[in-house]
Protein backbone atom coordinates (compact mmCIF):
# COMPACT_ATOMS: atom_id res chain seq x y z
CA UNK A 1 18.49 -89.11 12.47
CA UNK A 2 21.41 -91.42 13.22
CA UNK A 3 23.72 -88.47 13.79
CA UNK A 4 21.95 -87.49 17.00
CA UNK A 5 23.78 -88.58 20.19
CA UNK A 6 22.08 -91.33 22.17
CA UNK A 7 21.40 -90.28 25.76
CA UNK A 8 20.47 -92.84 28.37
CA UNK A 9 17.58 -91.88 30.61
CA UNK A 10 18.72 -91.71 34.23
CA UNK A 11 17.16 -90.38 37.43
CA UNK A 12 20.63 -89.18 38.49
CA UNK A 13 21.42 -87.24 35.34
CA UNK A 14 20.91 -83.86 37.05
CA UNK A 15 22.56 -84.60 40.39
CA UNK A 16 24.44 -81.53 41.62
CA UNK A 17 26.82 -80.70 44.46
CA UNK A 18 25.69 -78.21 47.10
CA UNK A 19 28.45 -76.65 49.21
CA UNK A 20 27.71 -75.90 52.84
CA UNK A 21 27.74 -72.31 54.05
CA UNK A 22 30.78 -71.00 55.87
CA UNK A 23 28.96 -71.38 59.20
CA UNK A 24 28.36 -75.09 58.47
CA UNK A 25 32.05 -75.75 57.71
CA UNK A 26 34.74 -76.65 60.25
CA UNK A 27 37.30 -73.86 60.28
CA UNK A 28 40.74 -73.57 61.87
CA UNK A 29 41.83 -77.23 61.66
CA UNK A 30 45.56 -77.69 60.95
CA UNK A 31 45.22 -80.60 58.50
CA UNK A 32 48.22 -82.92 58.29
CA UNK A 33 50.75 -82.30 55.51
CA UNK A 34 51.88 -85.94 55.47
CA UNK A 35 52.51 -87.23 51.92
CA UNK A 36 50.94 -90.62 52.67
CA UNK A 37 48.14 -91.40 50.16
CA UNK A 38 45.11 -91.55 52.43
CA UNK A 39 42.00 -89.50 53.14
CA UNK A 40 43.17 -88.35 56.64
CA UNK A 41 39.50 -87.97 57.55
CA UNK A 42 36.57 -90.15 58.65
CA UNK A 43 33.03 -89.24 59.66
CA UNK A 44 29.88 -90.83 61.07
CA UNK A 45 26.56 -89.52 62.36
CA UNK A 46 28.10 -88.41 65.67
CA UNK A 47 31.68 -87.26 65.08
CA UNK A 48 34.14 -85.95 62.53
CA UNK A 49 37.77 -87.08 62.92
CA UNK A 50 40.70 -85.41 61.13
CA UNK A 51 44.42 -86.20 61.33
CA UNK A 52 46.29 -83.05 62.36
CA UNK A 53 49.68 -81.54 61.74
CA UNK A 54 51.51 -81.71 65.07
CA UNK A 55 55.08 -81.55 66.28
CA UNK A 56 56.25 -84.78 67.87
CA UNK A 57 54.11 -87.90 68.01
CA UNK A 58 50.82 -88.21 66.19
CA UNK A 59 47.33 -86.95 66.96
CA UNK A 60 43.92 -86.53 65.43
CA UNK A 61 40.98 -84.32 66.22
CA UNK A 62 37.51 -85.68 67.10
CA UNK A 63 34.66 -83.17 67.15
CA UNK A 64 30.86 -83.56 67.06
CA UNK A 65 29.41 -83.12 63.57
CA UNK A 66 27.05 -80.49 65.02
CA UNK A 67 29.96 -78.37 66.28
CA UNK A 68 30.62 -76.51 63.05
CA UNK A 69 32.18 -73.08 62.73
CA UNK A 70 35.52 -71.93 64.12
CA UNK A 71 37.27 -74.72 66.06
CA UNK A 72 39.04 -73.80 69.28
CA UNK A 73 42.84 -74.17 68.75
CA UNK A 74 42.97 -75.80 72.21
CA UNK A 75 40.33 -78.40 71.30
CA UNK A 76 41.20 -81.74 73.02
CA UNK A 77 42.86 -84.33 70.76
CA UNK A 78 43.52 -88.05 70.63
CA UNK A 79 47.29 -88.10 71.00
CA UNK A 80 48.54 -91.50 72.18
CA UNK A 81 50.69 -92.52 69.17
CA UNK A 82 54.47 -92.03 69.24
CA UNK A 83 54.62 -91.58 65.45
CA UNK A 84 52.54 -89.80 62.82
CA UNK A 85 49.01 -91.13 62.40
CA UNK A 86 48.52 -92.45 58.85
CA UNK A 87 44.91 -93.69 58.79
CA UNK A 88 41.74 -93.54 60.92
CA UNK A 89 38.40 -95.36 60.51
CA UNK A 90 35.16 -95.34 62.52
CA UNK A 91 33.63 -98.67 63.47
CA UNK A 92 30.59 -99.11 61.16
CA UNK A 93 28.53 -100.65 64.01
CA UNK A 94 29.50 -98.35 66.89
CA UNK A 95 29.64 -94.57 66.49
CA UNK A 96 31.97 -94.17 69.49
CA UNK A 97 34.74 -96.61 68.47
CA UNK A 98 37.53 -95.47 66.14
CA UNK A 99 40.68 -97.26 64.98
CA UNK A 100 43.98 -95.60 64.07
CA UNK A 101 47.34 -96.75 62.73
CA UNK A 102 50.68 -95.03 62.82
CA UNK A 103 54.34 -94.93 61.93
CA UNK A 104 55.03 -96.36 65.40
CA UNK A 105 54.00 -99.82 64.00
CA UNK A 106 50.86 -100.01 66.13
CA UNK A 107 47.12 -100.13 65.59
CA UNK A 108 45.01 -98.64 68.38
CA UNK A 109 41.33 -98.74 69.26
CA UNK A 110 39.82 -95.70 70.98
CA UNK A 111 36.45 -95.20 72.68
CA UNK A 112 35.19 -91.63 72.41
CA UNK A 113 32.88 -90.36 75.21
CA UNK A 114 29.26 -89.80 74.23
CA UNK A 115 29.54 -86.02 74.55
CA UNK A 116 32.96 -85.82 72.91
CA UNK A 117 36.41 -85.23 74.35
CA UNK A 118 36.72 -83.11 77.49
CA UNK A 119 40.50 -83.42 77.59
CA UNK A 120 43.42 -84.98 75.70
CA UNK A 121 42.99 -88.75 75.23
CA UNK A 122 46.23 -90.70 75.55
CA UNK A 123 45.05 -94.14 76.69
CA UNK A 124 43.61 -96.47 74.05
CA UNK A 125 41.17 -99.28 74.77
CA UNK A 126 43.40 -101.67 72.79
CA UNK A 127 46.95 -101.45 71.47
CA UNK A 128 47.63 -103.96 68.71
CA UNK A 129 51.25 -104.82 67.87
CA UNK A 130 52.15 -107.27 65.11
CA UNK A 131 53.68 -105.30 62.24
CA UNK A 132 57.44 -104.87 62.05
CA UNK A 133 57.20 -101.61 60.07
CA UNK A 134 54.81 -98.69 59.99
CA UNK A 135 51.11 -99.38 59.41
CA UNK A 136 49.59 -97.33 56.61
CA UNK A 137 46.09 -98.74 56.10
CA UNK A 138 43.22 -100.10 58.21
CA UNK A 139 39.73 -101.34 57.27
CA UNK A 140 36.82 -102.66 59.34
CA UNK A 141 35.02 -105.77 58.13
CA UNK A 142 31.74 -104.63 56.47
CA UNK A 143 29.35 -107.18 58.04
CA UNK A 144 31.13 -108.60 61.08
CA UNK A 145 31.63 -106.91 64.43
CA UNK A 146 35.05 -107.00 66.03
CA UNK A 147 37.19 -107.79 62.96
CA UNK A 148 39.79 -105.28 61.75
CA UNK A 149 42.26 -105.52 58.85
CA UNK A 150 45.60 -103.68 58.85
CA UNK A 151 48.24 -103.39 56.11
CA UNK A 152 51.80 -102.40 56.93
CA UNK A 153 54.99 -101.51 55.12
CA UNK A 154 56.25 -105.00 55.99
CA UNK A 155 54.06 -106.18 53.03
CA UNK A 156 51.69 -108.03 55.34
CA UNK A 157 47.96 -107.82 56.05
CA UNK A 158 46.96 -108.78 59.58
CA UNK A 159 43.41 -109.72 60.59
CA UNK A 160 42.69 -108.74 64.19
CA UNK A 161 40.01 -110.06 66.52
CA UNK A 162 39.18 -107.31 69.00
CA UNK A 163 37.79 -109.88 71.43
CA UNK A 164 41.25 -111.37 71.97
CA UNK A 165 43.38 -108.40 70.88
CA UNK A 166 45.52 -110.77 68.81
CA UNK A 167 46.00 -111.29 65.06
CA UNK A 168 44.01 -114.33 63.93
CA UNK A 169 45.42 -114.46 60.39
CA UNK A 170 48.37 -113.10 58.42
CA UNK A 171 48.13 -112.65 54.63
CA UNK A 172 51.63 -112.64 53.18
CA UNK A 173 51.14 -113.00 49.42
CA UNK A 174 52.23 -109.44 48.54
CA UNK A 175 55.75 -108.69 47.32
CA UNK A 176 55.53 -104.98 48.14
CA UNK A 177 53.47 -102.43 50.08
CA UNK A 178 49.68 -102.85 49.96
CA UNK A 179 48.14 -99.62 48.67
CA UNK A 180 44.41 -100.35 49.03
CA UNK A 181 41.92 -102.91 50.37
CA UNK A 182 38.27 -103.28 49.38
CA UNK A 183 35.63 -105.80 50.48
CA UNK A 184 32.77 -107.29 48.52
CA UNK A 185 29.23 -106.94 49.89
CA UNK A 186 29.31 -109.78 52.45
CA UNK A 187 33.01 -109.46 53.28
CA UNK A 188 33.92 -112.93 52.01
CA UNK A 189 36.48 -111.51 49.55
CA UNK A 190 39.01 -108.72 49.72
CA UNK A 191 40.60 -107.05 46.69
CA UNK A 192 44.02 -105.44 47.05
CA UNK A 193 46.22 -103.20 44.95
CA UNK A 194 49.94 -103.38 45.57
CA UNK A 195 53.09 -101.47 44.75
CA UNK A 196 54.28 -104.56 42.82
CA UNK A 197 51.72 -103.59 40.10
CA UNK A 198 49.45 -106.55 40.81
CA UNK A 199 45.73 -106.62 41.46
CA UNK A 200 44.57 -109.51 43.66
CA UNK A 201 41.31 -111.02 44.90
CA UNK A 202 41.89 -112.93 48.14
CA UNK A 203 39.83 -115.20 50.37
CA UNK A 204 40.89 -113.56 53.65
CA UNK A 205 40.33 -116.41 56.14
CA UNK A 206 42.60 -118.80 54.25
CA UNK A 207 44.82 -116.20 52.58
CA UNK A 208 44.28 -117.89 49.19
CA UNK A 209 44.73 -115.71 46.09
CA UNK A 210 41.71 -116.49 43.89
CA UNK A 211 42.48 -114.09 41.04
CA UNK A 212 45.55 -112.06 40.13
CA UNK A 213 46.22 -109.48 37.41
CA UNK A 214 49.74 -108.43 36.46
CA UNK A 215 49.36 -104.77 35.45
CA UNK A 216 52.76 -104.26 33.80
CA UNK A 217 51.62 -101.54 31.41
CA UNK A 218 50.04 -99.34 34.05
CA UNK A 219 50.13 -98.69 37.77
CA UNK A 220 47.07 -99.53 39.87
CA UNK A 221 46.66 -97.34 42.96
CA UNK A 222 43.11 -97.85 44.23
CA UNK A 223 40.54 -100.61 43.84
CA UNK A 224 36.87 -100.86 44.82
CA UNK A 225 34.25 -103.62 44.57
CA UNK A 226 31.14 -102.46 42.67
CA UNK A 227 28.54 -103.97 45.00
CA UNK A 228 26.86 -107.13 43.73
CA UNK A 229 27.78 -106.52 40.08
CA UNK A 230 30.70 -108.99 40.23
CA UNK A 231 33.04 -106.27 39.03
CA UNK A 232 35.98 -104.22 40.26
CA UNK A 233 37.06 -100.71 39.39
CA UNK A 234 40.65 -99.51 39.66
CA UNK A 235 42.29 -96.11 39.34
CA UNK A 236 45.93 -95.54 38.47
CA UNK A 237 48.37 -94.31 35.85
CA UNK A 238 48.77 -95.50 32.27
CA UNK A 239 52.10 -96.16 30.53
CA UNK A 240 52.03 -92.49 29.41
CA UNK A 241 51.56 -91.31 33.01
CA UNK A 242 47.99 -90.18 32.45
CA UNK A 243 45.34 -90.91 35.05
CA UNK A 244 43.01 -93.70 34.04
CA UNK A 245 40.28 -95.98 35.36
CA UNK A 246 39.70 -99.64 34.47
CA UNK A 247 36.76 -101.97 34.93
CA UNK A 248 37.43 -105.67 35.67
CA UNK A 249 35.42 -108.87 35.79
CA UNK A 250 35.67 -110.34 39.29
CA UNK A 251 35.82 -113.88 37.88
CA UNK A 252 38.54 -113.16 35.29
CA UNK A 253 41.31 -110.58 35.80
CA UNK A 254 43.23 -111.51 32.67
CA UNK A 255 42.18 -108.33 30.84
CA UNK A 256 40.14 -105.29 31.90
CA UNK A 257 36.64 -104.93 30.42
CA UNK A 258 37.28 -101.28 29.61
CA UNK A 259 40.02 -98.73 30.21
CA UNK A 260 39.40 -95.00 30.10
CA UNK A 261 41.88 -92.15 30.41
CA UNK A 262 40.74 -89.28 32.62
CA UNK A 263 43.34 -86.50 32.31
CA UNK A 264 47.04 -85.76 32.42
CA UNK A 265 47.27 -84.74 36.09
CA UNK A 266 49.41 -86.64 38.55
CA UNK A 267 47.30 -86.59 41.73
CA UNK A 268 45.88 -89.82 43.12
CA UNK A 269 42.29 -90.63 42.09
CA UNK A 270 40.07 -91.85 44.95
CA UNK A 271 37.14 -94.02 43.74
CA UNK A 272 34.05 -93.89 45.97
CA UNK A 273 31.11 -96.13 45.07
CA UNK A 274 27.49 -95.93 46.24
CA UNK A 275 25.89 -99.35 45.75
CA UNK A 276 22.37 -97.98 46.42
CA UNK A 277 22.38 -95.53 43.51
CA UNK A 278 25.09 -97.32 41.44
CA UNK A 279 26.98 -94.02 41.29
CA UNK A 280 30.77 -93.82 41.17
CA UNK A 281 32.57 -90.70 42.37
CA UNK A 282 36.17 -89.94 41.31
CA UNK A 283 37.92 -87.38 43.49
CA UNK A 284 41.51 -86.43 42.76
CA UNK A 285 43.93 -85.59 45.53
CA UNK A 286 45.03 -82.02 44.89
CA UNK A 287 42.08 -81.44 42.52
CA UNK A 288 39.15 -79.13 43.11
CA UNK A 289 36.65 -81.28 41.23
CA UNK A 290 34.74 -84.52 41.81
CA UNK A 291 33.55 -86.44 38.73
CA UNK A 292 30.63 -88.80 38.99
CA UNK A 293 29.38 -91.63 36.83
CA UNK A 294 26.51 -94.09 36.81
CA UNK A 295 27.60 -97.73 36.64
CA UNK A 296 25.37 -99.75 34.30
CA UNK A 297 25.45 -103.49 33.42
CA UNK A 298 25.72 -103.01 29.65
CA UNK A 299 27.96 -100.94 27.41
CA UNK A 300 29.40 -98.37 27.90
CA UNK A 301 29.34 -99.65 31.55
CA UNK A 302 30.31 -96.24 32.93
CA UNK A 303 27.92 -93.42 32.02
CA UNK A 304 29.51 -90.05 32.72
CA UNK A 305 27.07 -87.64 34.40
CA UNK A 306 28.86 -84.41 35.31
CA UNK A 307 31.26 -83.07 37.93
CA UNK A 308 31.38 -80.88 41.00
CA UNK A 309 33.95 -78.09 40.75
CA UNK A 310 35.61 -75.99 43.40
CA UNK A 311 38.44 -73.43 43.16
CA UNK A 312 40.16 -74.95 46.22
CA UNK A 313 41.99 -78.31 46.03
CA UNK A 314 41.11 -81.18 48.36
CA UNK A 315 43.64 -83.10 50.41
CA UNK A 316 41.30 -85.89 51.42
CA UNK A 317 37.64 -86.80 51.75
CA UNK A 318 35.37 -88.19 54.42
CA UNK A 319 32.03 -89.79 53.51
CA UNK A 320 28.92 -89.68 55.70
CA UNK A 321 27.14 -93.07 56.09
CA UNK A 322 23.79 -93.33 54.32
CA UNK A 323 21.77 -93.21 57.55
CA UNK A 324 23.29 -89.78 58.30
CA UNK A 325 22.00 -88.12 55.11
CA UNK A 326 19.16 -85.61 54.89
CA UNK A 327 16.61 -87.65 52.94
CA UNK A 328 14.02 -84.86 53.11
CA UNK A 329 16.16 -82.82 50.69
CA UNK A 330 16.95 -85.84 48.42
CA UNK A 331 20.60 -85.95 49.51
CA UNK A 332 22.20 -89.16 48.17
CA UNK A 333 25.86 -88.64 49.16
CA UNK A 334 27.84 -86.27 51.36
CA UNK A 335 31.55 -85.52 51.21
CA UNK A 336 33.66 -83.76 53.82
CA UNK A 337 36.47 -82.12 51.82
CA UNK A 338 39.77 -81.36 53.54
CA UNK A 339 40.89 -77.97 52.22
CA UNK A 340 44.41 -77.67 53.64
CA UNK A 341 45.08 -74.21 52.17
CA UNK A 342 42.28 -72.76 54.31
CA UNK A 343 42.53 -75.18 57.28
CA UNK A 344 38.93 -76.01 56.47
CA UNK A 345 36.67 -79.07 56.34
CA UNK A 346 33.88 -78.35 53.84
CA UNK A 347 30.73 -80.51 53.58
CA UNK A 348 29.43 -81.05 50.03
CA UNK A 349 25.99 -82.66 49.54
CA UNK A 350 25.03 -84.44 46.33
CA UNK A 351 21.37 -83.63 45.65
CA UNK A 352 18.83 -85.19 43.30
CA UNK A 353 16.62 -82.21 42.28
CA UNK A 354 12.99 -83.13 43.00
CA UNK A 355 9.99 -81.10 44.11
CA UNK A 356 7.91 -83.90 45.60
CA UNK A 357 7.24 -83.79 49.34
CA UNK A 358 6.91 -87.57 49.68
CA UNK A 359 9.63 -90.08 50.52
CA UNK A 360 11.62 -91.06 47.40
CA UNK A 361 11.74 -94.86 47.48
CA UNK A 362 13.53 -95.18 44.14
CA UNK A 363 16.63 -93.28 45.27
CA UNK A 364 16.60 -94.64 48.84
CA UNK A 365 16.36 -98.46 48.66
CA UNK A 366 17.05 -100.63 51.69
CA UNK A 367 20.68 -100.03 52.67
CA UNK A 368 23.24 -101.72 54.98
CA UNK A 369 22.55 -100.46 58.48
CA UNK A 370 24.14 -100.23 61.90
CA UNK A 371 23.61 -103.86 62.99
CA UNK A 372 26.31 -106.49 62.30
CA UNK A 373 25.20 -109.58 60.40
CA UNK A 374 27.40 -111.99 62.38
CA UNK A 375 29.96 -112.17 65.16
CA UNK A 376 33.71 -112.41 64.79
CA UNK A 377 33.70 -116.06 65.81
CA UNK A 378 31.02 -116.93 63.26
CA UNK A 379 32.94 -115.25 60.46
CA UNK A 380 36.21 -116.93 61.43
CA UNK A 381 34.53 -120.35 61.25
CA UNK A 382 33.59 -119.73 57.61
CA UNK A 383 30.06 -118.29 57.81
CA UNK A 384 29.11 -115.50 55.37
CA UNK A 385 26.00 -113.34 55.60
CA UNK A 386 24.77 -110.36 53.65
CA UNK A 387 24.51 -107.05 55.53
CA UNK A 388 21.48 -106.36 57.71
CA UNK A 389 19.47 -103.83 55.73
CA UNK A 390 17.56 -100.83 57.05
CA UNK A 391 15.14 -98.29 55.58
CA UNK A 392 15.89 -94.57 55.60
CA UNK A 393 12.20 -93.71 55.72
CA UNK A 394 12.26 -93.33 59.51
CA UNK A 395 14.86 -90.60 59.09
CA UNK A 396 12.56 -88.88 56.64
CA UNK A 397 9.70 -88.95 59.13
CA UNK A 398 11.93 -87.46 61.80
CA UNK A 399 12.92 -84.67 59.43
CA UNK A 400 9.26 -84.05 58.61
CA UNK A 401 8.35 -83.73 62.30
CA UNK A 402 11.21 -81.32 62.86
CA UNK A 403 10.08 -79.28 59.90
CA UNK A 404 6.75 -78.63 61.69
CA UNK A 405 8.57 -77.04 64.60
CA UNK A 406 11.32 -75.17 62.76
CA UNK A 407 11.70 -73.32 59.44
CA UNK A 408 12.44 -75.48 56.40
CA UNK A 409 16.17 -75.58 55.62
CA UNK A 410 15.92 -74.84 51.92
CA UNK A 411 13.44 -71.97 52.12
CA UNK A 412 13.86 -69.76 55.16
CA UNK A 413 10.87 -67.45 54.92
CA UNK A 414 8.66 -65.49 57.28
CA UNK A 415 5.71 -63.13 57.07
CA UNK A 416 6.18 -59.62 58.40
CA UNK A 417 2.81 -57.87 58.07
CA UNK A 418 2.08 -59.63 54.81
CA UNK A 419 5.55 -59.32 53.28
CA UNK A 420 7.33 -62.57 52.44
CA UNK A 421 11.01 -62.35 53.39
CA UNK A 422 12.96 -64.86 51.25
CA UNK A 423 16.39 -65.15 52.78
CA UNK A 424 17.89 -67.93 50.70
CA UNK A 425 15.61 -68.12 47.66
CA UNK A 426 16.58 -65.51 45.02
CA UNK A 427 14.09 -64.69 42.24
CA UNK A 428 14.62 -66.94 39.22
CA UNK A 429 12.99 -64.78 36.52
CA UNK A 430 12.63 -61.09 35.71
CA UNK A 431 8.89 -61.20 36.43
CA UNK A 432 9.53 -62.61 39.90
CA UNK A 433 12.08 -59.86 40.51
CA UNK A 434 9.60 -57.15 39.44
CA UNK A 435 6.82 -58.63 41.57
CA UNK A 436 9.12 -58.70 44.59
CA UNK A 437 10.18 -55.09 43.91
CA UNK A 438 6.57 -53.81 43.70
CA UNK A 439 5.55 -55.74 46.82
CA UNK A 440 8.40 -54.16 48.73
CA UNK A 441 7.51 -50.68 47.40
CA UNK A 442 3.91 -51.10 48.54
CA UNK A 443 5.02 -52.33 51.92
CA UNK A 444 7.40 -49.38 52.35
CA UNK A 445 4.61 -46.95 51.40
CA UNK A 446 2.28 -48.53 53.92
CA UNK A 447 4.93 -48.40 56.65
CA UNK A 448 5.59 -44.69 55.94
CA UNK A 449 1.87 -43.93 56.26
CA UNK A 450 1.70 -45.80 59.55
CA UNK A 451 4.76 -43.89 60.78
CA UNK A 452 3.17 -40.53 59.83
CA UNK A 453 -0.05 -41.42 61.63
CA UNK A 454 1.91 -42.44 64.73
CA UNK A 455 3.85 -39.14 64.67
CA UNK A 456 0.54 -37.19 64.58
CA UNK A 457 -0.81 -39.29 67.46
CA UNK A 458 2.36 -38.66 69.50
CA UNK A 459 2.00 -34.87 69.05
CA UNK A 460 -1.64 -35.03 70.14
CA UNK A 461 -0.71 -36.98 73.27
CA UNK A 462 2.08 -34.51 74.08
CA UNK A 463 -0.38 -31.59 73.83
CA UNK A 464 -2.87 -33.37 76.07
CA UNK A 465 -0.12 -34.06 78.60
CA UNK A 466 0.92 -30.37 78.65
CA UNK A 467 -2.69 -29.29 79.14
CA UNK A 468 -3.05 -31.67 82.07
CA UNK A 469 0.14 -30.30 83.69
CA UNK A 470 -1.01 -26.68 83.28
CA UNK A 471 -4.44 -27.38 84.74
CA UNK A 472 -2.90 -29.21 87.73
CA UNK A 473 -0.55 -26.28 88.43
CA UNK A 474 -3.44 -23.77 88.40
CA UNK A 475 -5.41 -25.95 90.81
CA UNK A 476 -2.49 -25.98 93.26
CA UNK A 477 -2.17 -22.15 93.16
């Protein structure tokens, strides 16, 4: 029996991607054609923001997530930058604050009105100047309010305090352009990938490089901390120019734990990690598929599950925060794919197939919420705290209450004189198809009989009406 393959039991083995209907997509958005390697999209529970292709200056679109469908070409935009916008990020603790960076060497903070834009927004709340060249990357601190990181083409990372509007620290250990930044769980460490082919782990407040890997044999593009597992994952190109991923020990970057080649394509691989489910998603820029793995503490460390496939390539991806997911349908992740060929933003939900009507505690553990763990001043003085956790069960209860007032999303059904109309649930077997066919035949027969009886009744009433008219005429004469 040793020849049989060994499969690891996993609750996420059958996770699948569900594409939103055309009415739930955002259509008619001229997505930027900039070659900068970023997502060009960010989303939270209130708004979707997408960098647009515009002539002169830079702008991005901010629309409510509920405003799906065809977008008005005259929709108001955020258009205060003098150069192309290269990156945008929502504040994790305030749904109405968004940061942007641009080729005009500035970082700007915008406050979006509660009901969305009613006209073009050109005045930012804060304009941050400190980079001598264009700024290509921004990241909010994961646990601290009011701290923003920016990386420019001047090879510097600046740490901004939004209370003062000034940079409080400059990290200058990179010899080339910083390609990616990723924080550990409490934000006490930041990992960077750089164009100089080095992977670094840095203590951001002092700027000290704690670990450094010289990746001469391959190019590292993106890096992500794997939650509390004390490990990093990188994506890049091997010496043979094939796309590959590598797993690293956070305490020792001398050699990767494992390296795995993915394919021979050239598009950038974006790694997206969900610490709650320990699932890793690999989405290639210019690809139509999204691979997903389960990260486990023992060998083989990365357990391949399956992949979502689409005939249209993606230009970037936005990710909905966990508190914005539909927990009543067992949704564990949601992408917003930028499909530039169709000027479309397409939501894709990752679903764990379960039939139970109760809240699924095992796939929805306590997760980092919307409250900061500490202030900017506390973090700058050296204090570290884990994120403030929240439960998603309240969201499930809200969804359950709504389900009592409205039809269930998955199964839109109604009873019309005893006939069950299944709009979105096709029959799964031949027997179900035959049963549905016979039910509809019986219902049609019954409706024909009712129609015949009503026709006879109408003729009788017409005859009675004529008799009444004739008798009234005779009485008048």
